[in-house]
């Protein structure tokens, strides 16, 4: 696998999930649900991590990059 600057599906999905979480927290604030900044930040990190964990890394040969 070539080492490029193009983000993998795992990185893109984790980042997108984080952005969606931030928008959901903003919408919650607009409808009157107060979310503390620390909680919003923690939820963003946890959701982004969870999605990135579930998305495969895209390696088709099944080998680790270091091998």
N, C-alpha and C. Protein backbone atom coordinates (compact mmCIF):
# COMPACT_ATOMS: atom_id res chain seq x y z
N UNK A 1 0.85 -1.18 0.00
CA UNK A 1 0.00 0.00 0.00
C UNK A 1 0.89 1.23 0.00
N UNK A 2 0.62 2.14 -0.90
CA UNK A 2 1.41 3.36 -1.00
C UNK A 2 1.10 4.29 0.16
N UNK A 3 2.11 4.97 0.63
CA UNK A 3 1.94 5.93 1.72
C UNK A 3 1.61 7.29 1.09
N UNK A 4 0.34 7.68 1.14
CA UNK A 4 -0.08 8.94 0.54
C UNK A 4 -0.71 9.84 1.59
N UNK A 5 -1.01 11.07 1.19
CA UNK A 5 -1.67 12.01 2.08
C UNK A 5 -3.19 11.88 2.02
N UNK A 6 -3.70 11.02 1.16
CA UNK A 6 -5.14 10.83 1.04
C UNK A 6 -5.66 10.11 2.28
N UNK A 7 -6.66 10.68 2.96
CA UNK A 7 -7.18 10.02 4.16
C UNK A 7 -7.92 8.73 3.81
N UNK A 8 -7.83 7.76 4.69
CA UNK A 8 -8.53 6.50 4.50
C UNK A 8 -9.99 6.66 4.89
N UNK A 9 -10.78 5.65 4.58
CA UNK A 9 -12.20 5.67 4.96
C UNK A 9 -12.35 5.72 6.47
N UNK A 10 -11.46 5.08 7.19
CA UNK A 10 -11.49 5.08 8.65
C UNK A 10 -11.32 6.50 9.19
N UNK A 11 -10.37 7.24 8.68
CA UNK A 11 -10.12 8.61 9.13
C UNK A 11 -11.28 9.53 8.73
N UNK A 12 -11.73 9.40 7.51
CA UNK A 12 -12.82 10.24 7.03
C UNK A 12 -14.10 10.01 7.81
N UNK A 13 -14.43 8.76 8.07
CA UNK A 13 -15.68 8.47 8.79
C UNK A 13 -15.61 8.94 10.24
N UNK A 14 -14.47 8.79 10.88
CA UNK A 14 -14.32 9.29 12.25
C UNK A 14 -14.44 10.79 12.33
N UNK A 15 -13.86 11.48 11.36
CA UNK A 15 -13.95 12.94 11.32
C UNK A 15 -15.37 13.40 11.04
N UNK A 16 -16.03 12.75 10.08
CA UNK A 16 -17.41 13.11 9.76
C UNK A 16 -18.34 12.87 10.94
N UNK A 17 -18.14 11.77 11.65
CA UNK A 17 -18.97 11.48 12.83
C UNK A 17 -18.78 12.55 13.89
N UNK A 18 -17.55 13.01 14.07
CA UNK A 18 -17.30 14.10 15.01
C UNK A 18 -18.02 15.37 14.62
N UNK A 19 -18.00 15.70 13.33
CA UNK A 19 -18.68 16.90 12.86
C UNK A 19 -20.20 16.79 13.03
N UNK A 20 -20.75 15.62 12.74
CA UNK A 20 -22.19 15.41 12.91
C UNK A 20 -22.57 15.54 14.38
N UNK A 21 -21.74 15.02 15.26
CA UNK A 21 -22.01 15.13 16.70
C UNK A 21 -22.05 16.59 17.14
N UNK A 22 -21.13 17.39 16.64
CA UNK A 22 -21.10 18.81 16.99
C UNK A 22 -22.38 19.50 16.52
N UNK A 23 -22.83 19.18 15.31
CA UNK A 23 -24.07 19.77 14.80
C UNK A 23 -25.26 19.33 15.65
N UNK A 24 -25.29 18.07 16.07
CA UNK A 24 -26.39 17.59 16.92
C UNK A 24 -26.41 18.30 18.27
N UNK A 25 -25.24 18.56 18.84
CA UNK A 25 -25.17 19.30 20.10
C UNK A 25 -25.67 20.73 19.89
N UNK A 26 -25.33 21.33 18.77
CA UNK A 26 -25.82 22.68 18.46
C UNK A 26 -27.34 22.70 18.33
N UNK A 27 -27.88 21.69 17.62
CA UNK A 27 -29.34 21.60 17.47
C UNK A 27 -29.99 21.41 18.84
N UNK A 28 -29.40 20.58 19.68
CA UNK A 28 -29.94 20.39 21.03
C UNK A 28 -29.99 21.71 21.78
N UNK A 29 -28.97 22.54 21.64
CA UNK A 29 -28.96 23.86 22.26
C UNK A 29 -30.04 24.77 21.71
N UNK A 30 -30.32 24.65 20.42
CA UNK A 30 -31.35 25.48 19.80
C UNK A 30 -32.76 25.13 20.29
N UNK A 31 -32.96 23.87 20.68
CA UNK A 31 -34.29 23.46 21.17
C UNK A 31 -34.38 23.50 22.69
N UNK A 32 -33.34 24.03 23.33
CA UNK A 32 -33.40 24.25 24.77
C UNK A 32 -32.73 23.19 25.63
N UNK A 33 -32.07 22.22 25.03
CA UNK A 33 -31.36 21.21 25.81
C UNK A 33 -29.93 21.70 26.03
N UNK A 34 -29.62 22.01 27.26
CA UNK A 34 -28.30 22.55 27.60
C UNK A 34 -27.29 21.41 27.74
N UNK A 35 -26.25 21.42 26.92
CA UNK A 35 -25.19 20.42 26.98
C UNK A 35 -23.91 21.14 27.38
N UNK A 36 -23.33 20.78 28.54
CA UNK A 36 -22.08 21.43 28.95
C UNK A 36 -20.97 21.19 27.91
N UNK A 37 -20.10 22.16 27.73
CA UNK A 37 -19.03 22.03 26.72
C UNK A 37 -18.16 20.79 26.92
N UNK A 38 -17.88 20.46 28.17
CA UNK A 38 -17.03 19.29 28.45
C UNK A 38 -17.73 18.00 27.99
N UNK A 39 -19.02 17.93 28.22
CA UNK A 39 -19.78 16.74 27.81
C UNK A 39 -19.87 16.68 26.29
N UNK A 40 -20.12 17.81 25.66
CA UNK A 40 -20.18 17.85 24.19
C UNK A 40 -18.86 17.40 23.58
N UNK A 41 -17.76 17.85 24.16
CA UNK A 41 -16.45 17.46 23.67
C UNK A 41 -16.21 15.97 23.85
N UNK A 42 -16.56 15.45 25.02
CA UNK A 42 -16.37 14.02 25.28
C UNK A 42 -17.23 13.17 24.36
N UNK A 43 -18.47 13.57 24.14
CA UNK A 43 -19.36 12.82 23.26
C UNK A 43 -18.81 12.83 21.83
N UNK A 44 -18.30 13.96 21.39
CA UNK A 44 -17.73 14.07 20.05
C UNK A 44 -16.56 13.11 19.88
N UNK A 45 -15.68 13.07 20.86
CA UNK A 45 -14.52 12.18 20.79
C UNK A 45 -14.97 10.72 20.81
N UNK A 46 -15.89 10.37 21.69
CA UNK A 46 -16.34 8.98 21.81
C UNK A 46 -17.06 8.49 20.55
N UNK A 47 -17.93 9.33 20.00
CA UNK A 47 -18.65 8.93 18.77
C UNK A 47 -17.67 8.81 17.60
N UNK A 48 -16.76 9.78 17.47
CA UNK A 48 -15.75 9.71 16.41
C UNK A 48 -14.88 8.48 16.53
N UNK A 49 -14.46 8.16 17.75
CA UNK A 49 -13.65 6.96 17.97
C UNK A 49 -14.45 5.70 17.64
N UNK A 50 -15.70 5.66 18.10
CA UNK A 50 -16.53 4.48 17.86
C UNK A 50 -16.73 4.20 16.39
N UNK A 51 -17.03 5.23 15.63
CA UNK A 51 -17.24 5.06 14.19
C UNK A 51 -15.94 4.65 13.51
N UNK A 52 -14.85 5.31 13.85
CA UNK A 52 -13.56 4.97 13.24
C UNK A 52 -13.14 3.55 13.60
N UNK A 53 -13.48 3.10 14.79
CA UNK A 53 -13.15 1.74 15.21
C UNK A 53 -13.92 0.71 14.38
N UNK A 54 -15.16 1.02 14.05
CA UNK A 54 -16.01 0.07 13.32
C UNK A 54 -15.73 0.02 11.82
N UNK A 55 -15.18 1.09 11.26
CA UNK A 55 -14.92 1.12 9.81
C UNK A 55 -13.60 0.41 9.53
N UNK A 56 -13.60 -0.51 8.56
CA UNK A 56 -12.35 -1.20 8.23
C UNK A 56 -11.32 -0.23 7.64
N UNK A 57 -10.05 -0.59 7.77
CA UNK A 57 -8.99 0.32 7.33
C UNK A 57 -8.79 0.33 5.83
N UNK A 58 -9.44 -0.55 5.10
CA UNK A 58 -9.35 -0.54 3.65
C UNK A 58 -8.21 -1.36 3.09
N UNK A 59 -7.46 -2.01 3.94
CA UNK A 59 -6.37 -2.86 3.47
C UNK A 59 -6.97 -4.14 2.90
N UNK A 60 -6.74 -4.40 1.63
CA UNK A 60 -7.36 -5.55 0.98
C UNK A 60 -6.55 -6.83 1.14
N UNK A 61 -5.27 -6.73 1.45
CA UNK A 61 -4.46 -7.94 1.53
C UNK A 61 -4.45 -8.55 2.93
N UNK A 62 -4.98 -7.87 3.92
CA UNK A 62 -5.07 -8.41 5.27
C UNK A 62 -3.78 -8.35 6.06
N UNK A 63 -2.72 -7.79 5.48
CA UNK A 63 -1.45 -7.70 6.19
C UNK A 63 -1.33 -6.38 6.91
N UNK A 64 -0.59 -6.40 7.99
CA UNK A 64 -0.31 -5.17 8.72
C UNK A 64 0.72 -4.36 7.94
N UNK A 65 0.62 -3.06 8.01
CA UNK A 65 1.51 -2.18 7.25
C UNK A 65 2.97 -2.41 7.64
N UNK A 66 3.23 -2.72 8.91
CA UNK A 66 4.60 -2.88 9.39
C UNK A 66 5.23 -4.19 8.93
N UNK A 67 4.44 -5.13 8.44
CA UNK A 67 5.00 -6.43 8.04
C UNK A 67 5.73 -6.34 6.73
